Amino acid sequence: MESDYQCSIDISFISGDIQFDVWSDTKLFSFKSGLGFIAIPHFFFTLSQLYKSEIKEAQLDCHGNADYYKFYSDGITLFIEEHEIDYPKKEIYKYQFNIEKYLEAVDKGFKKHLKQLERKGLLPLKTQEFAHPLGDDVLNAFYNFSSLINN
């Protein structure tokens, strides 16, 4: 039996790069992208739509390079393809997760990350800077995602 999933989040306030790692005893998937203020809301919105079965598949780009991810769901399982475009070869890595456990892990991991930033005095933001990876648009996208997962 597979253990619960875990999630850690890394968000650079300087470059805007993000990394969401979700893992279990048997697998690890890292969602990485530049432009966190665009990538994070898109990530949460896509996961929400897949969870609600509003869509069956979606593509998320890695801002800053040509790599991209394809997310698919049958309502129970989340399938992820990571397409690394490294000329002249192209690599595709495939992952499979229980969608509910995956989303719960992302929710818990993001909440934990926000609490750590609050303890350090980095959140809430004193001013809303354009394109900040944890600005109001990003946080609102997370809160919408989290309310869906926790209802």
N, C-alpha and C. Protein backbone atom coordinates (compact mmCIF):
# COMPACT_ATOMS: atom_id res chain seq x y z
N MET A 1 0.84 -1.18 0.00
CA MET A 1 0.00 0.00 0.00
C MET A 1 0.88 1.24 0.00
N GLU A 2 0.52 2.19 -0.83
CA GLU A 2 1.32 3.41 -0.97
C GLU A 2 1.02 4.38 0.17
N SER A 3 2.08 4.98 0.69
CA SER A 3 1.91 5.93 1.79
C SER A 3 1.34 7.24 1.27
N ASP A 4 1.00 8.12 2.20
CA ASP A 4 0.49 9.43 1.83
C ASP A 4 1.56 10.21 1.08
N TYR A 5 1.11 11.13 0.28
CA TYR A 5 2.02 11.98 -0.46
C TYR A 5 2.45 13.15 0.41
N GLN A 6 3.63 13.64 0.12
CA GLN A 6 4.20 14.81 0.78
C GLN A 6 4.46 15.86 -0.29
N CYS A 7 4.56 17.12 0.13
CA CYS A 7 4.82 18.19 -0.82
C CYS A 7 5.70 19.25 -0.17
N SER A 8 6.66 19.73 -0.93
CA SER A 8 7.43 20.89 -0.50
C SER A 8 7.40 21.91 -1.63
N ILE A 9 7.50 23.17 -1.22
CA ILE A 9 7.38 24.28 -2.17
C ILE A 9 8.62 25.15 -2.05
N ASP A 10 9.14 25.59 -3.18
CA ASP A 10 10.24 26.55 -3.20
C ASP A 10 9.84 27.66 -4.17
N ILE A 11 9.80 28.88 -3.66
CA ILE A 11 9.43 30.04 -4.47
C ILE A 11 10.48 31.11 -4.26
N SER A 12 11.11 31.53 -5.34
CA SER A 12 12.11 32.59 -5.26
C SER A 12 11.43 33.94 -5.44
N PHE A 13 11.55 34.80 -4.41
CA PHE A 13 10.98 36.14 -4.51
C PHE A 13 11.80 37.00 -5.46
N ILE A 14 13.04 36.63 -5.72
CA ILE A 14 13.91 37.43 -6.58
C ILE A 14 13.69 37.10 -8.06
N SER A 15 13.81 35.81 -8.41
CA SER A 15 13.68 35.42 -9.82
C SER A 15 12.24 35.10 -10.21
N GLY A 16 11.40 34.76 -9.23
CA GLY A 16 10.03 34.34 -9.53
C GLY A 16 9.92 32.88 -9.89
N ASP A 17 11.05 32.14 -9.89
CA ASP A 17 11.03 30.72 -10.20
C ASP A 17 10.34 29.95 -9.07
N ILE A 18 9.66 28.89 -9.46
CA ILE A 18 8.95 28.06 -8.48
C ILE A 18 9.29 26.60 -8.69
N GLN A 19 9.11 25.82 -7.63
CA GLN A 19 9.23 24.37 -7.71
C GLN A 19 8.29 23.76 -6.68
N PHE A 20 7.39 22.90 -7.14
CA PHE A 20 6.50 22.14 -6.28
C PHE A 20 6.94 20.68 -6.39
N ASP A 21 7.42 20.10 -5.31
CA ASP A 21 7.80 18.69 -5.29
C ASP A 21 6.73 17.90 -4.56
N VAL A 22 6.22 16.85 -5.19
CA VAL A 22 5.27 15.94 -4.56
C VAL A 22 5.89 14.55 -4.66
N TRP A 23 5.89 13.84 -3.53
CA TRP A 23 6.52 12.52 -3.52
C TRP A 23 5.80 11.57 -2.58
N SER A 24 6.07 10.30 -2.82
CA SER A 24 5.65 9.20 -1.95
C SER A 24 6.89 8.33 -1.77
N ASP A 25 6.70 7.15 -1.22
CA ASP A 25 7.83 6.24 -1.05
C ASP A 25 8.40 5.78 -2.39
N THR A 26 7.59 5.83 -3.44
CA THR A 26 7.99 5.22 -4.70
C THR A 26 8.20 6.19 -5.87
N LYS A 27 7.85 7.46 -5.68
CA LYS A 27 7.97 8.37 -6.82
C LYS A 27 8.13 9.81 -6.35
N LEU A 28 8.67 10.64 -7.24
CA LEU A 28 8.83 12.07 -7.01
C LEU A 28 8.55 12.80 -8.31
N PHE A 29 7.72 13.83 -8.24
CA PHE A 29 7.47 14.67 -9.39
C PHE A 29 7.71 16.11 -8.98
N SER A 30 8.48 16.84 -9.79
CA SER A 30 8.77 18.25 -9.55
C SER A 30 8.17 19.09 -10.66
N PHE A 31 7.26 19.97 -10.28
CA PHE A 31 6.72 20.95 -11.22
C PHE A 31 7.56 22.20 -11.05
N LYS A 32 8.29 22.57 -12.12
CA LYS A 32 9.19 23.72 -12.07
C LYS A 32 8.80 24.69 -13.18
N SER A 33 8.90 25.97 -12.85
CA SER A 33 8.60 26.98 -13.85
C SER A 33 9.18 28.31 -13.42
N GLY A 34 9.40 29.16 -14.39
CA GLY A 34 9.70 30.55 -14.11
C GLY A 34 8.37 31.29 -14.03
N LEU A 35 8.41 32.56 -13.81
CA LEU A 35 7.22 33.40 -13.77
C LEU A 35 6.14 32.82 -12.86
N GLY A 36 6.49 32.67 -11.59
CA GLY A 36 5.57 32.09 -10.62
C GLY A 36 4.23 32.78 -10.55
N PHE A 37 4.19 34.09 -10.81
CA PHE A 37 2.92 34.81 -10.74
C PHE A 37 1.95 34.36 -11.82
N ILE A 38 2.46 33.73 -12.88
CA ILE A 38 1.62 33.15 -13.93
C ILE A 38 1.45 31.65 -13.71
N ALA A 39 2.55 30.96 -13.42
CA ALA A 39 2.55 29.50 -13.33
C ALA A 39 1.72 28.98 -12.15
N ILE A 40 1.82 29.63 -10.99
CA ILE A 40 1.11 29.11 -9.81
C ILE A 40 -0.40 29.16 -10.00
N PRO A 41 -0.98 30.31 -10.38
CA PRO A 41 -2.44 30.30 -10.58
C PRO A 41 -2.87 29.32 -11.66
N HIS A 42 -2.10 29.19 -12.73
CA HIS A 42 -2.44 28.24 -13.80
C HIS A 42 -2.40 26.80 -13.27
N PHE A 43 -1.40 26.50 -12.46
CA PHE A 43 -1.26 25.17 -11.84
C PHE A 43 -2.48 24.85 -10.98
N PHE A 44 -2.85 25.78 -10.08
CA PHE A 44 -4.00 25.55 -9.20
C PHE A 44 -5.30 25.46 -9.99
N PHE A 45 -5.48 26.33 -10.97
CA PHE A 45 -6.69 26.32 -11.77
C PHE A 45 -6.82 25.01 -12.56
N THR A 46 -5.72 24.56 -13.13
CA THR A 46 -5.73 23.31 -13.90
C THR A 46 -6.05 22.12 -13.01
N LEU A 47 -5.41 22.04 -11.84
CA LEU A 47 -5.69 20.94 -10.92
C LEU A 47 -7.15 20.95 -10.48
N SER A 48 -7.70 22.14 -10.24
CA SER A 48 -9.10 22.25 -9.84
C SER A 48 -10.03 21.75 -10.93
N GLN A 49 -9.76 22.16 -12.17
CA GLN A 49 -10.60 21.72 -13.29
C GLN A 49 -10.53 20.21 -13.49
N LEU A 50 -9.34 19.64 -13.37
CA LEU A 50 -9.20 18.19 -13.49
C LEU A 50 -9.95 17.48 -12.36
N TYR A 51 -9.84 18.00 -11.17
CA TYR A 51 -10.49 17.40 -10.00
C TYR A 51 -12.02 17.41 -10.16
N LYS A 52 -12.55 18.51 -10.68
CA LYS A 52 -14.00 18.64 -10.87
C LYS A 52 -14.47 17.99 -12.17
N SER A 53 -13.56 17.38 -12.92
CA SER A 53 -13.84 16.73 -14.21
C SER A 53 -14.40 17.72 -15.23
N GLU A 54 -14.01 18.99 -15.11
CA GLU A 54 -14.41 19.98 -16.11
C GLU A 54 -13.55 19.86 -17.37
N ILE A 55 -12.35 19.33 -17.21
CA ILE A 55 -11.47 19.03 -18.33
C ILE A 55 -10.86 17.66 -18.08
N LYS A 56 -10.37 17.04 -19.13
CA LYS A 56 -9.71 15.74 -19.02
C LYS A 56 -8.20 15.85 -19.14
N GLU A 57 -7.73 16.93 -19.81
CA GLU A 57 -6.30 17.11 -20.00
C GLU A 57 -5.97 18.59 -20.15
N ALA A 58 -4.71 18.90 -19.85
CA ALA A 58 -4.24 20.29 -19.97
C ALA A 58 -2.73 20.27 -20.13
N GLN A 59 -2.23 21.33 -20.73
CA GLN A 59 -0.79 21.50 -20.88
C GLN A 59 -0.36 22.74 -20.10
N LEU A 60 0.69 22.60 -19.31
CA LEU A 60 1.26 23.72 -18.58
C LEU A 60 2.69 23.91 -19.06
N ASP A 61 3.00 25.12 -19.43
CA ASP A 61 4.34 25.44 -19.93
C ASP A 61 5.27 25.80 -18.79
N CYS A 62 6.54 25.52 -18.99
CA CYS A 62 7.59 25.94 -18.06
C CYS A 62 8.09 27.27 -18.57
N HIS A 63 7.63 28.33 -17.98
CA HIS A 63 8.04 29.66 -18.43
C HIS A 63 9.54 29.81 -18.22
N GLY A 64 10.23 30.18 -19.27
CA GLY A 64 11.67 30.34 -19.19
C GLY A 64 12.43 29.32 -20.02
N ASN A 65 11.75 28.27 -20.47
CA ASN A 65 12.36 27.31 -21.40
C ASN A 65 11.26 26.61 -22.18
N ALA A 66 11.63 25.70 -23.04
CA ALA A 66 10.67 25.06 -23.94
C ALA A 66 9.98 23.84 -23.33
N ASP A 67 10.39 23.44 -22.13
CA ASP A 67 9.78 22.27 -21.50
C ASP A 67 8.31 22.54 -21.18
N TYR A 68 7.54 21.46 -21.07
CA TYR A 68 6.14 21.60 -20.69
C TYR A 68 5.65 20.31 -20.03
N TYR A 69 4.49 20.42 -19.40
CA TYR A 69 3.86 19.29 -18.72
C TYR A 69 2.49 19.08 -19.31
N LYS A 70 2.08 17.81 -19.40
CA LYS A 70 0.71 17.47 -19.77
C LYS A 70 0.10 16.75 -18.57
N PHE A 71 -1.05 17.24 -18.15
CA PHE A 71 -1.78 16.65 -17.04
C PHE A 71 -3.05 16.02 -17.60
N TYR A 72 -3.35 14.79 -17.16
CA TYR A 72 -4.56 14.07 -17.57
C TYR A 72 -5.20 13.50 -16.31
N SER A 73 -6.50 13.32 -16.33
CA SER A 73 -7.15 12.65 -15.22
C SER A 73 -8.36 11.88 -15.70
N ASP A 74 -8.58 10.72 -15.06
CA ASP A 74 -9.78 9.93 -15.30
C ASP A 74 -10.76 10.09 -14.15
N GLY A 75 -10.49 11.06 -13.26
CA GLY A 75 -11.33 11.29 -12.10
C GLY A 75 -10.79 10.63 -10.83
N ILE A 76 -9.94 9.64 -10.99
CA ILE A 76 -9.35 8.94 -9.85
C ILE A 76 -7.83 9.10 -9.86
N THR A 77 -7.27 8.96 -11.04
CA THR A 77 -5.82 9.01 -11.18
C THR A 77 -5.40 10.27 -11.93
N LEU A 78 -4.32 10.87 -11.47
CA LEU A 78 -3.71 12.01 -12.15
C LEU A 78 -2.48 11.48 -12.87
N PHE A 79 -2.48 11.64 -14.19
CA PHE A 79 -1.35 11.24 -15.02
C PHE A 79 -0.61 12.51 -15.44
N ILE A 80 0.70 12.50 -15.31
CA ILE A 80 1.49 13.66 -15.67
C ILE A 80 2.60 13.22 -16.61
N GLU A 81 2.77 13.95 -17.69
CA GLU A 81 3.89 13.76 -18.60
C GLU A 81 4.75 15.00 -18.54
N GLU A 82 6.02 14.80 -18.28
CA GLU A 82 6.98 15.91 -18.28
C GLU A 82 7.77 15.83 -19.58
N HIS A 83 7.63 16.83 -20.42
CA HIS A 83 8.29 16.85 -21.72
C HIS A 83 9.49 17.79 -21.64
N GLU A 84 10.67 17.19 -21.63
CA GLU A 84 11.90 17.98 -21.63
C GLU A 84 12.38 18.12 -23.06
N ILE A 85 12.46 19.33 -23.50
CA ILE A 85 12.88 19.60 -24.87
C ILE A 85 14.34 20.04 -24.81
N ASP A 86 15.20 19.11 -25.12
CA ASP A 86 16.65 19.39 -25.09
C ASP A 86 17.20 18.95 -26.44
N TYR A 87 17.27 19.90 -27.35
CA TYR A 87 17.71 19.58 -28.70
C TYR A 87 19.07 18.92 -28.66
N PRO A 88 19.33 17.84 -29.35
CA PRO A 88 18.51 17.18 -30.36
C PRO A 88 17.61 16.08 -29.81
N LYS A 89 17.72 15.75 -28.52
CA LYS A 89 16.84 14.68 -28.02
C LYS A 89 15.71 15.27 -27.18
N LYS A 90 14.64 14.55 -27.17
CA LYS A 90 13.47 14.95 -26.39
C LYS A 90 13.15 13.81 -25.43
N GLU A 91 13.01 14.14 -24.15
CA GLU A 91 12.70 13.14 -23.14
C GLU A 91 11.28 13.36 -22.63
N ILE A 92 10.57 12.27 -22.39
CA ILE A 92 9.25 12.32 -21.78
C ILE A 92 9.27 11.42 -20.56
N TYR A 93 8.94 12.01 -19.40
CA TYR A 93 8.87 11.26 -18.15
C TYR A 93 7.40 11.19 -17.74
N LYS A 94 6.98 10.01 -17.29
CA LYS A 94 5.57 9.82 -16.94
C LYS A 94 5.42 9.51 -15.46
N TYR A 95 4.35 10.10 -14.88
CA TYR A 95 4.05 9.94 -13.46
C TYR A 95 2.57 9.63 -13.30
N GLN A 96 2.25 8.97 -12.20
CA GLN A 96 0.87 8.61 -11.93
C GLN A 96 0.63 8.77 -10.42
N PHE A 97 -0.44 9.48 -10.06
CA PHE A 97 -0.78 9.73 -8.67
C PHE A 97 -2.28 9.57 -8.46
N ASN A 98 -2.68 9.26 -7.25
CA ASN A 98 -4.08 9.36 -6.86
C ASN A 98 -4.39 10.85 -6.82
N ILE A 99 -5.40 11.30 -7.57
CA ILE A 99 -5.63 12.73 -7.71
C ILE A 99 -5.99 13.40 -6.38
N GLU A 100 -6.83 12.75 -5.57
CA GLU A 100 -7.21 13.36 -4.29
C GLU A 100 -6.01 13.51 -3.37
N LYS A 101 -5.19 12.47 -3.27
CA LYS A 101 -4.00 12.53 -2.41
C LYS A 101 -3.01 13.57 -2.92
N TYR A 102 -2.87 13.65 -4.22
CA TYR A 102 -1.95 14.62 -4.81
C TYR A 102 -2.38 16.04 -4.47
N LEU A 103 -3.66 16.34 -4.70
CA LEU A 103 -4.17 17.68 -4.42
C LEU A 103 -4.10 18.01 -2.94
N GLU A 104 -4.41 17.06 -2.08
CA GLU A 104 -4.30 17.28 -0.64
C GLU A 104 -2.86 17.59 -0.24
N ALA A 105 -1.90 16.88 -0.83
CA ALA A 105 -0.49 17.12 -0.52
C ALA A 105 -0.07 18.52 -0.96
N VAL A 106 -0.50 18.94 -2.14
CA VAL A 106 -0.17 20.28 -2.63
C VAL A 106 -0.80 21.33 -1.71
N ASP A 107 -2.04 21.12 -1.31
CA ASP A 107 -2.72 22.05 -0.41
C ASP A 107 -1.96 22.18 0.92
N LYS A 108 -1.63 21.07 1.53
CA LYS A 108 -0.91 21.09 2.81
C LYS A 108 0.48 21.70 2.65
N GLY A 109 1.17 21.35 1.58
CA GLY A 109 2.51 21.88 1.35
C GLY A 109 2.51 23.39 1.15
N PHE A 110 1.52 23.90 0.42
CA PHE A 110 1.46 25.34 0.18
C PHE A 110 1.09 26.08 1.46
N LYS A 111 0.16 25.53 2.23
CA LYS A 111 -0.19 26.15 3.52
C LYS A 111 1.01 26.20 4.44
N LYS A 112 1.76 25.11 4.48
CA LYS A 112 2.97 25.07 5.32
C LYS A 112 3.97 26.12 4.87
N HIS A 113 4.16 26.25 3.57
CA HIS A 113 5.09 27.24 3.03
C HIS A 113 4.65 28.66 3.40
N LEU A 114 3.36 28.94 3.28
CA LEU A 114 2.85 30.26 3.63
C LEU A 114 3.06 30.57 5.11
N LYS A 115 2.83 29.57 5.97
CA LYS A 115 3.04 29.77 7.41
C LYS A 115 4.50 30.06 7.72
N GLN A 116 5.42 29.36 7.04
CA GLN A 116 6.85 29.61 7.25
C GLN A 116 7.21 31.04 6.85
N LEU A 117 6.66 31.51 5.75
CA LEU A 117 6.93 32.88 5.29
C LEU A 117 6.33 33.91 6.25
N GLU A 118 5.17 33.60 6.81
CA GLU A 118 4.56 34.49 7.80
C GLU A 118 5.44 34.59 9.05
N ARG A 119 5.94 33.45 9.53
CA ARG A 119 6.82 33.44 10.71
C ARG A 119 8.08 34.26 10.48
N LYS A 120 8.57 34.25 9.24
CA LYS A 120 9.77 35.02 8.90
C LYS A 120 9.46 36.50 8.66
N GLY A 121 8.19 36.86 8.67
CA GLY A 121 7.79 38.24 8.44
C GLY A 121 7.75 38.65 6.98
N LEU A 122 7.79 37.67 6.07
CA LEU A 122 7.78 37.96 4.64
C LEU A 122 6.36 38.06 4.07
N LEU A 123 5.40 37.53 4.80
CA LEU A 123 3.99 37.62 4.42
C LEU A 123 3.21 38.13 5.62
N PRO A 124 2.16 38.87 5.44
CA PRO A 124 1.66 39.36 4.16
C PRO A 124 2.59 40.40 3.56
N LEU A 125 2.51 40.53 2.25
CA LEU A 125 3.35 41.52 1.57
C LEU A 125 2.98 42.92 2.03
N LYS A 126 3.99 43.71 2.24
CA LYS A 126 3.74 45.09 2.68
C LYS A 126 3.16 45.94 1.55
N THR A 127 3.61 45.70 0.33
CA THR A 127 3.06 46.36 -0.85
C THR A 127 2.89 45.31 -1.94
N GLN A 128 1.93 45.52 -2.80
CA GLN A 128 1.71 44.61 -3.92
C GLN A 128 2.62 45.02 -5.08
N GLU A 129 3.65 44.23 -5.30
CA GLU A 129 4.55 44.48 -6.42
C GLU A 129 4.02 43.74 -7.64
N PHE A 130 4.16 44.36 -8.79
CA PHE A 130 3.75 43.71 -10.04
C PHE A 130 4.58 42.44 -10.22
N ALA A 131 3.94 41.37 -10.56
CA ALA A 131 4.56 40.08 -10.89
C ALA A 131 5.21 39.40 -9.69
N HIS A 132 4.78 39.70 -8.48
CA HIS A 132 5.32 38.99 -7.31
C HIS A 132 4.74 37.58 -7.28
N PRO A 133 5.57 36.56 -7.03
CA PRO A 133 5.07 35.18 -7.07
C PRO A 133 4.10 34.83 -5.95
N LEU A 134 3.91 35.72 -4.98
CA LEU A 134 2.90 35.49 -3.94
C LEU A 134 2.02 36.72 -3.74
N GLY A 135 1.73 37.39 -4.85
CA GLY A 135 0.82 38.54 -4.81
C GLY A 135 -0.62 38.08 -4.61
N ASP A 136 -1.52 39.04 -4.56
CA ASP A 136 -2.93 38.74 -4.30
C ASP A 136 -3.54 37.78 -5.31
N ASP A 137 -3.21 37.92 -6.59
CA ASP A 137 -3.76 37.01 -7.61
C ASP A 137 -3.36 35.56 -7.35
N VAL A 138 -2.11 35.38 -6.97
CA VAL A 138 -1.59 34.03 -6.69
C VAL A 138 -2.27 33.47 -5.45
N LEU A 139 -2.32 34.25 -4.39
CA LEU A 139 -2.94 33.78 -3.15
C LEU A 139 -4.42 33.51 -3.34
N ASN A 140 -5.12 34.34 -4.09
CA ASN A 140 -6.53 34.09 -4.36
C ASN A 140 -6.73 32.79 -5.14
N ALA A 141 -5.84 32.51 -6.09
CA ALA A 141 -5.91 31.24 -6.84
C ALA A 141 -5.72 30.07 -5.88
N PHE A 142 -4.79 30.20 -4.95
CA PHE A 142 -4.58 29.13 -3.97
C PHE A 142 -5.80 28.97 -3.07
N TYR A 143 -6.34 30.06 -2.55
CA TYR A 143 -7.49 29.97 -1.65
C TYR A 143 -8.69 29.34 -2.35
N ASN A 144 -8.91 29.64 -3.61
CA ASN A 144 -9.99 29.00 -4.38
C ASN A 144 -9.74 27.50 -4.51
N PHE A 145 -8.51 27.14 -4.83
CA PHE A 145 -8.11 25.72 -4.93
C PHE A 145 -8.32 25.02 -3.59
N SER A 146 -7.82 25.64 -2.52
CA SER A 146 -7.89 25.03 -1.19
C SER A 146 -9.32 24.85 -0.73
N SER A 147 -10.19 25.81 -1.02
CA SER A 147 -11.59 25.66 -0.59
C SER A 147 -12.26 24.51 -1.34
N LEU A 148 -11.90 24.29 -2.58
CA LEU A 148 -12.43 23.15 -3.33
C LEU A 148 -11.97 21.84 -2.72
N ILE A 149 -10.70 21.75 -2.38
CA ILE A 149 -10.13 20.51 -1.85
C ILE A 149 -10.67 20.20 -0.46
N ASN A 150 -10.94 21.21 0.32
CA ASN A 150 -11.34 21.01 1.71
C ASN A 150 -12.84 21.03 1.94
N ASN A 151 -13.64 21.03 0.88
CA ASN A 151 -15.11 20.97 1.04
C ASN A 151 -15.63 19.59 0.84
